[in-house]
Amino acid sequence: MKKSILATGVCALFLAVGCGGVTQTSTPPPVTTPTPTVIVINAPVPASPADGTSSTGWPTLIVNNSTRTGPAGALVYRFDLSTTSDFNNIVATGSVAEGSGQTSFTPNNVVPPPADQTTFYWRAVAIDPLNQVTSPASTTVSFKFSNPPTKAQLIAQQQGVVLWPGAVPPGTPGKAVMGNGWQIGNLVSWDGVRFLSPSLDELQVFDCMDRGMQPQQAIDWMHSHGYGTPAGWYPDVSVIGFAHQYLALISGRWDMVLRAGA
């Protein structure tokens, strides 16, 4: 009986370290997992062109860089260009690495080339590819696209005249090449008439061909739209005759030549 009491006392004394072959364990304290820092990228802010402006040729689209919080990586900006404000018809897109303070993109190769006075809409988003975080889209900005002056229009502007005061021929310029003799100057015809070269109707016929018309088509279009010209097309010799000069197609270029006689 005394041995049993003694054993019970020993077990009570050494309960913390174990008794009778039974090991006592304690629960470890919980491990605290640090909360990851959230990356937030704010929408870029359009800087240029301003909303509703006109642009001759393609403008450079510029945004002020996105502000951000958290450990964001290097940003890339995606620019979208559309003919509709809801961006259901995106005609060009481009991704550009972030610049210093501002980031820009120029949409040069839009196919097909737009018609004159087309309204376009653009926006941009900032993207962190490393962390797969994307900003909201910037506000939508619009601009009106104007075709750059054609070669004939540039000469007409230097002469102080409007190439097409009424209807403008259809088509995209770039299909005809000016050769020799197109410099502006006051000339005297074979019959003694002083005139400014090139004449307005010579510029107009060339501009029609530059937009894709054949010589006779160009002359017919001018007549049907109220533009007078005495021009005549001579396909056997590839020459368009005018009052004082003629255009000769030589090696794929249209040379302006002063007539030597009637």
C-alpha atoms as a PDB file:
ATOM      1  CA  MET A   1       0.000   0.000   0.000  1.00  0.00           C
ATOM      2  CA  LYS A   2       2.839   2.415   0.833  1.00  0.00           C
ATOM      3  CA  LYS A   3       4.548   1.666  -2.457  1.00  0.00           C
ATOM      4  CA  SER A   4       1.380   2.595  -4.355  1.00  0.00           C
ATOM      5  CA  ILE A   5       1.094   5.958  -2.564  1.00  0.00           C
ATOM      6  CA  LEU A   6       4.747   6.688  -3.168  1.00  0.00           C
ATOM      7  CA  ALA A   7       4.416   5.963  -6.878  1.00  0.00           C
ATOM      8  CA  THR A   8       1.405   8.257  -7.126  1.00  0.00           C
ATOM      9  CA  GLY A   9       3.347  11.063  -5.478  1.00  0.00           C
ATOM     10  CA  VAL A  10       6.249  10.674  -7.858  1.00  0.00           C
ATOM     11  CA  CYS A  11       3.934  10.816 -10.851  1.00  0.00           C
ATOM     12  CA  ALA A  12       2.372  13.998  -9.558  1.00  0.00           C
ATOM     13  CA  LEU A  13       5.796  15.527  -8.996  1.00  0.00           C
ATOM     14  CA  PHE A  14       7.105  14.755 -12.464  1.00  0.00           C
ATOM     15  CA  LEU A  15       3.884  15.173 -14.453  1.00  0.00           C
ATOM     16  CA  ALA A  16       5.385  17.855 -16.649  1.00  0.00           C
ATOM     17  CA  VAL A  17       8.124  15.571 -17.954  1.00  0.00           C
ATOM     18  CA  GLY A  18       6.084  12.396 -18.157  1.00  0.00           C
ATOM     19  CA  CYS A  19       5.045   9.558 -16.011  1.00  0.00           C
ATOM     20  CA  GLY A  20       4.719   5.906 -16.594  1.00  0.00           C
ATOM     21  CA  GLY A  21       6.203   6.139 -20.077  1.00  0.00           C
ATOM     22  CA  VAL A  22       3.634   8.746 -21.275  1.00  0.00           C
ATOM     23  CA  THR A  23       5.158  11.915 -22.834  1.00  0.00           C
ATOM     24  CA  GLN A  24       3.267  15.179 -22.394  1.00  0.00           C
ATOM     25  CA  THR A  25       3.259  17.602 -25.427  1.00  0.00           C
ATOM     26  CA  SER A  26       2.294  21.284 -25.767  1.00  0.00           C
ATOM     27  CA  THR A  27       0.644  23.094 -28.764  1.00  0.00           C
ATOM     28  CA  PRO A  28       3.149  25.347 -30.694  1.00  0.00           C
ATOM     29  CA  PRO A  29       2.230  29.010 -31.091  1.00  0.00           C
ATOM     30  CA  PRO A  30       0.440  29.887 -34.409  1.00  0.00           C
ATOM     31  CA  VAL A  31       2.645  31.061 -37.310  1.00  0.00           C
ATOM     32  CA  THR A  32       1.739  34.545 -38.576  1.00  0.00           C
ATOM     33  CA  THR A  33       1.807  34.818 -42.414  1.00  0.00           C
ATOM     34  CA  PRO A  34       2.631  38.352 -43.588  1.00  0.00           C
ATOM     35  CA  THR A  35      -0.064  39.965 -45.738  1.00  0.00           C
ATOM     36  CA  PRO A  36       1.253  40.499 -49.317  1.00  0.00           C
ATOM     37  CA  THR A  37       1.426  44.099 -50.518  1.00  0.00           C
ATOM     38  CA  VAL A  38      -1.266  44.751 -53.126  1.00  0.00           C
ATOM     39  CA  ILE A  39      -0.130  46.307 -56.437  1.00  0.00           C
ATOM     40  CA  VAL A  40      -2.442  49.005 -57.744  1.00  0.00           C
ATOM     41  CA  ILE A  41      -1.851  50.681 -61.126  1.00  0.00           C
ATOM     42  CA  ASN A  42      -4.001  53.694 -61.868  1.00  0.00           C
ATOM     43  CA  ALA A  43      -5.237  54.576 -65.352  1.00  0.00           C
ATOM     44  CA  PRO A  44      -2.856  56.591 -67.550  1.00  0.00           C
ATOM     45  CA  VAL A  45      -3.989  60.128 -68.357  1.00  0.00           C
ATOM     46  CA  PRO A  46      -4.235  61.229 -72.024  1.00  0.00           C
ATOM     47  CA  ALA A  47      -2.009  64.228 -72.759  1.00  0.00           C
ATOM     48  CA  SER A  48      -2.146  64.696 -76.560  1.00  0.00           C
ATOM     49  CA  PRO A  49      -3.912  65.137 -78.902  1.00  0.00           C
ATOM     50  CA  ALA A  50      -6.683  66.908 -77.035  1.00  0.00           C
ATOM     51  CA  ASP A  51     -10.195  65.553 -77.362  1.00  0.00           C
ATOM     52  CA  GLY A  52     -12.032  66.660 -80.510  1.00  0.00           C
ATOM     53  CA  THR A  53      -9.020  68.143 -82.312  1.00  0.00           C
ATOM     54  CA  SER A  54      -8.086  67.648 -85.975  1.00  0.00           C
ATOM     55  CA  SER A  55      -4.864  66.085 -87.194  1.00  0.00           C
ATOM     56  CA  THR A  56      -3.261  66.198 -90.634  1.00  0.00           C
ATOM     57  CA  GLY A  57      -1.895  62.693 -90.968  1.00  0.00           C
ATOM     58  CA  TRP A  58      -1.468  60.404 -87.985  1.00  0.00           C
ATOM     59  CA  PRO A  59      -0.872  62.133 -84.645  1.00  0.00           C
ATOM     60  CA  THR A  60       1.378  60.782 -81.918  1.00  0.00           C
ATOM     61  CA  LEU A  61      -0.788  59.544 -79.047  1.00  0.00           C
ATOM     62  CA  ILE A  62       0.709  60.564 -75.679  1.00  0.00           C
ATOM     63  CA  VAL A  63      -0.290  59.685 -72.108  1.00  0.00           C
ATOM     64  CA  ASN A  64       1.049  60.784 -68.755  1.00  0.00           C
ATOM     65  CA  ASN A  65       2.377  57.678 -67.065  1.00  0.00           C
ATOM     66  CA  SER A  66       0.251  55.791 -64.547  1.00  0.00           C
ATOM     67  CA  THR A  67       0.763  56.318 -60.838  1.00  0.00           C
ATOM     68  CA  ARG A  68       1.046  53.116 -58.835  1.00  0.00           C
ATOM     69  CA  THR A  69       1.359  51.652 -55.336  1.00  0.00           C
ATOM     70  CA  GLY A  70       3.064  48.471 -54.261  1.00  0.00           C
ATOM     71  CA  PRO A  71       6.049  46.645 -55.789  1.00  0.00           C
ATOM     72  CA  ALA A  72       5.010  46.966 -59.432  1.00  0.00           C
ATOM     73  CA  GLY A  73       7.368  45.779 -62.157  1.00  0.00           C
ATOM     74  CA  ALA A  74       8.283  47.526 -65.408  1.00  0.00           C
ATOM     75  CA  LEU A  75       5.150  48.756 -67.187  1.00  0.00           C
ATOM     76  CA  VAL A  76       4.075  48.419 -70.802  1.00  0.00           C
ATOM     77  CA  TYR A  77       1.369  50.639 -72.298  1.00  0.00           C
ATOM     78  CA  ARG A  78      -1.125  49.330 -74.831  1.00  0.00           C
ATOM     79  CA  PHE A  79      -2.743  51.894 -77.111  1.00  0.00           C
ATOM     80  CA  ASP A  80      -5.984  51.078 -78.942  1.00  0.00           C
ATOM     81  CA  LEU A  81      -7.314  53.032 -81.941  1.00  0.00           C
ATOM     82  CA  SER A  82     -10.899  52.553 -83.089  1.00  0.00           C
ATOM     83  CA  THR A  83     -13.478  54.046 -85.427  1.00  0.00           C
ATOM     84  CA  THR A  84     -16.152  53.599 -82.728  1.00  0.00           C
ATOM     85  CA  SER A  85     -16.264  54.990 -79.202  1.00  0.00           C
ATOM     86  CA  ASP A  86     -17.124  51.548 -77.766  1.00  0.00           C
ATOM     87  CA  PHE A  87     -13.968  50.065 -79.386  1.00  0.00           C
ATOM     88  CA  ASN A  88     -15.873  47.375 -81.216  1.00  0.00           C
ATOM     89  CA  ASN A  89     -13.842  48.164 -84.338  1.00  0.00           C
ATOM     90  CA  ILE A  90     -10.195  48.505 -83.308  1.00  0.00           C
ATOM     91  CA  VAL A  91      -8.119  49.324 -86.403  1.00  0.00           C
ATOM     92  CA  ALA A  92      -4.704  49.597 -84.756  1.00  0.00           C
ATOM     93  CA  THR A  93      -3.076  48.638 -81.475  1.00  0.00           C
ATOM     94  CA  GLY A  94       0.461  48.980 -80.174  1.00  0.00           C
ATOM     95  CA  SER A  95       2.402  48.130 -77.012  1.00  0.00           C
ATOM     96  CA  VAL A  96       5.175  50.461 -75.881  1.00  0.00           C
ATOM     97  CA  ALA A  97       7.582  50.280 -72.938  1.00  0.00           C
ATOM     98  CA  GLU A  98       7.038  53.038 -70.399  1.00  0.00           C
ATOM     99  CA  GLY A  99       8.876  56.270 -71.126  1.00  0.00           C
ATOM    100  CA  SER A 100      10.126  58.922 -68.728  1.00  0.00           C
ATOM    101  CA  GLY A 101       7.063  60.739 -67.419  1.00  0.00           C
ATOM    102  CA  GLN A 102       5.100  60.146 -70.607  1.00  0.00           C
ATOM    103  CA  THR A 103       4.653  57.295 -73.079  1.00  0.00           C
ATOM    104  CA  SER A 104       3.703  57.675 -76.754  1.00  0.00           C
ATOM    105  CA  PHE A 105       2.618  55.682 -79.792  1.00  0.00           C
ATOM    106  CA  THR A 106       2.151  56.688 -83.448  1.00  0.00           C
ATOM    107  CA  PRO A 107      -0.274  54.540 -85.512  1.00  0.00           C
ATOM    108  CA  ASN A 108       1.401  54.745 -88.933  1.00  0.00           C
ATOM    109  CA  ASN A 109       0.306  51.615 -90.797  1.00  0.00           C
ATOM    110  CA  VAL A 110      -3.472  51.531 -90.649  1.00  0.00           C
ATOM    111  CA  VAL A 111      -4.939  49.343 -93.419  1.00  0.00           C
ATOM    112  CA  PRO A 112      -6.956  50.340 -95.335  1.00  0.00           C
ATOM    113  CA  PRO A 113      -5.958  54.019 -95.238  1.00  0.00           C
ATOM    114  CA  PRO A 114      -8.778  56.078 -93.734  1.00  0.00           C
ATOM    115  CA  ALA A 115     -11.021  58.414 -95.664  1.00  0.00           C
ATOM    116  CA  ASP A 116     -10.488  62.111 -95.172  1.00  0.00           C
ATOM    117  CA  GLN A 117     -12.214  63.592 -92.080  1.00  0.00           C
ATOM    118  CA  THR A 118     -12.670  60.216 -90.367  1.00  0.00           C
ATOM    119  CA  THR A 119     -13.193  60.442 -86.602  1.00  0.00           C
ATOM    120  CA  PHE A 120     -11.046  58.099 -84.502  1.00  0.00           C
ATOM    121  CA  TYR A 121     -11.122  57.199 -80.806  1.00  0.00           C
ATOM    122  CA  TRP A 122      -8.156  56.116 -78.701  1.00  0.00           C
ATOM    123  CA  ARG A 123      -7.351  54.944 -75.194  1.00  0.00           C
ATOM    124  CA  ALA A 124      -4.462  53.361 -73.307  1.00  0.00           C
ATOM    125  CA  VAL A 125      -3.941  50.901 -70.462  1.00  0.00           C
ATOM    126  CA  ALA A 126      -0.823  50.259 -68.360  1.00  0.00           C
ATOM    127  CA  ILE A 127       0.227  46.645 -67.886  1.00  0.00           C
ATOM    128  CA  ASP A 128       2.634  45.032 -65.409  1.00  0.00           C
ATOM    129  CA  PRO A 129       3.468  41.760 -67.235  1.00  0.00           C
ATOM    130  CA  LEU A 130       5.585  40.368 -64.396  1.00  0.00           C
ATOM    131  CA  ASN A 131       2.830  40.574 -61.790  1.00  0.00           C
ATOM    132  CA  GLN A 132      -0.059  40.282 -64.276  1.00  0.00           C
ATOM    133  CA  VAL A 133      -1.688  43.503 -63.146  1.00  0.00           C
ATOM    134  CA  THR A 134      -3.479  45.841 -65.566  1.00  0.00           C
ATOM    135  CA  SER A 135      -4.726  49.347 -64.963  1.00  0.00           C
ATOM    136  CA  PRO A 136      -8.185  50.582 -65.880  1.00  0.00           C
ATOM    137  CA  ALA A 137      -8.394  52.111 -69.343  1.00  0.00           C
ATOM    138  CA  SER A 138      -7.718  55.803 -69.722  1.00  0.00           C
ATOM    139  CA  THR A 139     -10.526  58.134 -70.667  1.00  0.00           C
ATOM    140  CA  THR A 140     -11.476  57.894 -74.346  1.00  0.00           C
ATOM    141  CA  VAL A 141     -10.189  60.674 -76.594  1.00  0.00           C
ATOM    142  CA  SER A 142     -11.285  61.453 -80.168  1.00  0.00           C
ATOM    143  CA  PHE A 143      -9.633  63.250 -83.077  1.00  0.00           C
ATOM    144  CA  LYS A 144     -10.537  63.910 -86.711  1.00  0.00           C
ATOM    145  CA  PHE A 145      -8.119  62.568 -89.303  1.00  0.00           C
ATOM    146  CA  SER A 146      -7.286  64.756 -92.319  1.00  0.00           C
ATOM    147  CA  ASN A 147      -5.302  63.340 -95.200  1.00  0.00           C
ATOM    148  CA  PRO A 148      -1.952  65.059 -95.761  1.00  0.00           C
ATOM    149  CA  PRO A 149      -1.836  67.305 -98.851  1.00  0.00           C
ATOM    150  CA  THR A 150      -1.169  65.450-102.086  1.00  0.00           C
ATOM    151  CA  LYS A 151       1.754  66.423-104.303  1.00  0.00           C
ATOM    152  CA  ALA A 152      -0.549  68.454-106.527  1.00  0.00           C
ATOM    153  CA  GLN A 153      -2.183  70.129-103.523  1.00  0.00           C
ATOM    154  CA  LEU A 154       1.212  71.209-102.181  1.00  0.00           C
ATOM    155  CA  ILE A 155       2.042  72.924-105.479  1.00  0.00           C
ATOM    156  CA  ALA A 156      -1.397  74.562-105.591  1.00  0.00           C
ATOM    157  CA  GLN A 157      -0.879  75.870-102.045  1.00  0.00           C
ATOM    158  CA  GLN A 158       2.433  77.418-103.093  1.00  0.00           C
ATOM    159  CA  GLN A 159       0.623  79.121-105.983  1.00  0.00           C
ATOM    160  CA  GLY A 160      -2.049  80.409-103.614  1.00  0.00           C
ATOM    161  CA  VAL A 161      -4.939  78.512-105.223  1.00  0.00           C
ATOM    162  CA  VAL A 162      -7.333  75.827-104.002  1.00  0.00           C
ATOM    163  CA  LEU A 163      -6.908  72.621-105.957  1.00  0.00           C
ATOM    164  CA  TRP A 164     -10.473  71.378-105.464  1.00  0.00           C
ATOM    165  CA  PRO A 165     -12.913  74.182-104.566  1.00  0.00           C
ATOM    166  CA  GLY A 166     -15.842  71.794-105.043  1.00  0.00           C
ATOM    167  CA  ALA A 167     -16.008  68.016-105.291  1.00  0.00           C
ATOM    168  CA  VAL A 168     -12.843  66.120-104.355  1.00  0.00           C
ATOM    169  CA  PRO A 169     -11.940  63.039-106.413  1.00  0.00           C
ATOM    170  CA  PRO A 170     -12.084  59.714-104.569  1.00  0.00           C
ATOM    171  CA  GLY A 171      -9.124  57.454-103.943  1.00  0.00           C
ATOM    172  CA  THR A 172      -5.947  57.391-101.915  1.00  0.00           C
ATOM    173  CA  PRO A 173      -2.958  59.350-103.312  1.00  0.00           C
ATOM    174  CA  GLY A 174       0.371  57.784-104.091  1.00  0.00           C
ATOM    175  CA  LYS A 175      -0.306  56.061-107.401  1.00  0.00           C
ATOM    176  CA  ALA A 176       1.347  58.522-109.814  1.00  0.00           C
ATOM    177  CA  VAL A 177       4.864  59.954-109.916  1.00  0.00           C
ATOM    178  CA  MET A 178       5.875  63.470-110.911  1.00  0.00           C
ATOM    179  CA  GLY A 179       8.916  63.609-113.170  1.00  0.00           C
ATOM    180  CA  ASN A 180      10.657  66.647-114.643  1.00  0.00           C
ATOM    181  CA  GLY A 181       9.217  70.093-115.340  1.00  0.00           C
ATOM    182  CA  TRP A 182       6.892  70.522-112.341  1.00  0.00           C
ATOM    183  CA  GLN A 183       8.691  73.491-110.794  1.00  0.00           C
ATOM    184  CA  ILE A 184       6.600  76.635-110.413  1.00  0.00           C
ATOM    185  CA  GLY A 185       7.436  79.364-112.904  1.00  0.00           C
ATOM    186  CA  ASN A 186       6.130  81.945-115.373  1.00  0.00           C
ATOM    187  CA  LEU A 187       6.557  80.650-118.920  1.00  0.00           C
ATOM    188  CA  VAL A 188       5.775  81.813-122.435  1.00  0.00           C
ATOM    189  CA  SER A 189       3.920  79.469-124.781  1.00  0.00           C
ATOM    190  CA  TRP A 190       4.882  78.794-128.390  1.00  0.00           C
ATOM    191  CA  ASP A 191       2.309  81.378-129.487  1.00  0.00           C
ATOM    192  CA  GLY A 192       3.425  84.107-127.084  1.00  0.00           C
ATOM    193  CA  VAL A 193       1.032  83.591-124.171  1.00  0.00           C
ATOM    194  CA  ARG A 194       2.482  84.124-120.682  1.00  0.00           C
ATOM    195  CA  PHE A 195       1.171  81.640-118.114  1.00  0.00           C
ATOM    196  CA  LEU A 196       1.915  80.198-114.692  1.00  0.00           C
ATOM    197  CA  SER A 197       3.164  76.632-114.795  1.00  0.00           C
ATOM    198  CA  PRO A 198       1.874  74.181-113.829  1.00  0.00           C
ATOM    199  CA  SER A 199      -1.671  75.273-114.621  1.00  0.00           C
ATOM    200  CA  LEU A 200      -4.543  74.427-112.303  1.00  0.00           C
ATOM    201  CA  ASP A 201      -6.098  71.877-114.643  1.00  0.00           C
ATOM    202  CA  GLU A 202      -2.720  70.160-115.121  1.00  0.00           C
ATOM    203  CA  LEU A 203      -2.484  69.785-111.350  1.00  0.00           C
ATOM    204  CA  GLN A 204      -6.060  68.548-111.147  1.00  0.00           C
ATOM    205  CA  VAL A 205      -5.613  65.879-113.827  1.00  0.00           C
ATOM    206  CA  PHE A 206      -2.423  64.663-112.173  1.00  0.00           C
ATOM    207  CA  ASP A 207      -4.131  64.570-108.775  1.00  0.00           C
ATOM    208  CA  CYS A 208      -6.903  62.369-110.185  1.00  0.00           C
ATOM    209  CA  MET A 209      -4.301  59.973-111.589  1.00  0.00           C
ATOM    210  CA  ASP A 210      -2.406  60.109-108.297  1.00  0.00           C
ATOM    211  CA  ARG A 211      -5.602  58.833-106.654  1.00  0.00           C
ATOM    212  CA  GLY A 212      -5.778  55.867-109.028  1.00  0.00           C
ATOM    213  CA  MET A 213      -7.646  57.054-112.130  1.00  0.00           C
ATOM    214  CA  GLN A 214      -6.484  56.352-115.654  1.00  0.00           C
ATOM    215  CA  PRO A 215      -5.814  59.467-117.811  1.00  0.00           C
ATOM    216  CA  GLN A 216      -9.146  59.407-119.656  1.00  0.00           C
ATOM    217  CA  GLN A 217     -10.990  58.630-116.422  1.00  0.00           C
ATOM    218  CA  ALA A 218      -9.376  61.675-114.835  1.00  0.00           C
ATOM    219  CA  ILE A 219     -10.451  63.962-117.683  1.00  0.00           C
ATOM    220  CA  ASP A 220     -13.985  62.533-117.688  1.00  0.00           C
ATOM    221  CA  TRP A 221     -14.293  62.905-113.903  1.00  0.00           C
ATOM    222  CA  MET A 222     -13.306  66.564-114.102  1.00  0.00           C
ATOM    223  CA  HIS A 223     -15.845  67.285-116.841  1.00  0.00           C
ATOM    224  CA  SER A 224     -18.627  65.498-114.944  1.00  0.00           C
ATOM    225  CA  HIS A 225     -17.929  67.462-111.748  1.00  0.00           C
ATOM    226  CA  GLY A 226     -17.769  70.964-113.196  1.00  0.00           C
ATOM    227  CA  TYR A 227     -14.005  71.356-113.664  1.00  0.00           C
ATOM    228  CA  GLY A 228     -13.090  72.680-117.107  1.00  0.00           C
ATOM    229  CA  THR A 229     -10.029  71.494-119.003  1.00  0.00           C
ATOM    230  CA  PRO A 230      -9.048  71.237-122.680  1.00  0.00           C
ATOM    231  CA  ALA A 231      -6.955  68.158-121.845  1.00  0.00           C
ATOM    232  CA  GLY A 232      -6.866  65.310-124.315  1.00  0.00           C
ATOM    233  CA  TRP A 233      -5.437  61.823-123.805  1.00  0.00           C
ATOM    234  CA  TYR A 234      -3.373  60.290-126.616  1.00  0.00           C
ATOM    235  CA  PRO A 235      -2.784  56.682-125.581  1.00  0.00           C
ATOM    236  CA  ASP A 236      -0.635  55.779-128.615  1.00  0.00           C
ATOM    237  CA  VAL A 237       2.130  58.088-127.392  1.00  0.00           C
ATOM    238  CA  SER A 238       1.158  58.171-123.672  1.00  0.00           C
ATOM    239  CA  VAL A 239       0.654  61.936-123.701  1.00  0.00           C
ATOM    240  CA  ILE A 240      -1.977  64.230-122.167  1.00  0.00           C
ATOM    241  CA  GLY A 241      -2.186  67.489-124.123  1.00  0.00           C
ATOM    242  CA  PHE A 242      -3.096  70.801-122.458  1.00  0.00           C
ATOM    243  CA  ALA A 243      -3.354  74.381-123.728  1.00  0.00           C
ATOM    244  CA  HIS A 244       0.359  75.226-123.532  1.00  0.00           C
ATOM    245  CA  GLN A 245       2.077  72.047-122.305  1.00  0.00           C
ATOM    246  CA  TYR A 246       1.658  68.308-122.253  1.00  0.00           C
ATOM    247  CA  LEU A 247       2.232  65.518-119.771  1.00  0.00           C
ATOM    248  CA  ALA A 248       4.319  62.638-121.103  1.00  0.00           C
ATOM    249  CA  LEU A 249       4.531  59.284-119.350  1.00  0.00           C
ATOM    250  CA  ILE A 250       8.240  58.423-119.519  1.00  0.00           C
ATOM    251  CA  SER A 251       9.691  55.486-117.574  1.00  0.00           C
ATOM    252  CA  GLY A 252       6.760  55.462-115.180  1.00  0.00           C
ATOM    253  CA  ARG A 253       6.914  59.207-114.442  1.00  0.00           C
ATOM    254  CA  TRP A 254       4.814  62.106-115.712  1.00  0.00           C
ATOM    255  CA  ASP A 255       7.090  64.775-117.213  1.00  0.00           C
ATOM    256  CA  MET A 256       5.771  68.281-117.880  1.00  0.00           C
ATOM    257  CA  VAL A 257       6.886  69.479-121.352  1.00  0.00           C
ATOM    258  CA  LEU A 258       6.400  72.893-122.980  1.00  0.00           C
ATOM    259  CA  ARG A 259       4.664  72.550-126.305  1.00  0.00           C
ATOM    260  CA  ALA A 260       6.715  73.652-129.326  1.00  0.00           C
ATOM    261  CA  GLY A 261       3.743  74.231-131.597  1.00  0.00           C
ATOM    262  CA  ALA A 262       0.021  73.719-132.127  1.00  0.00           C
END
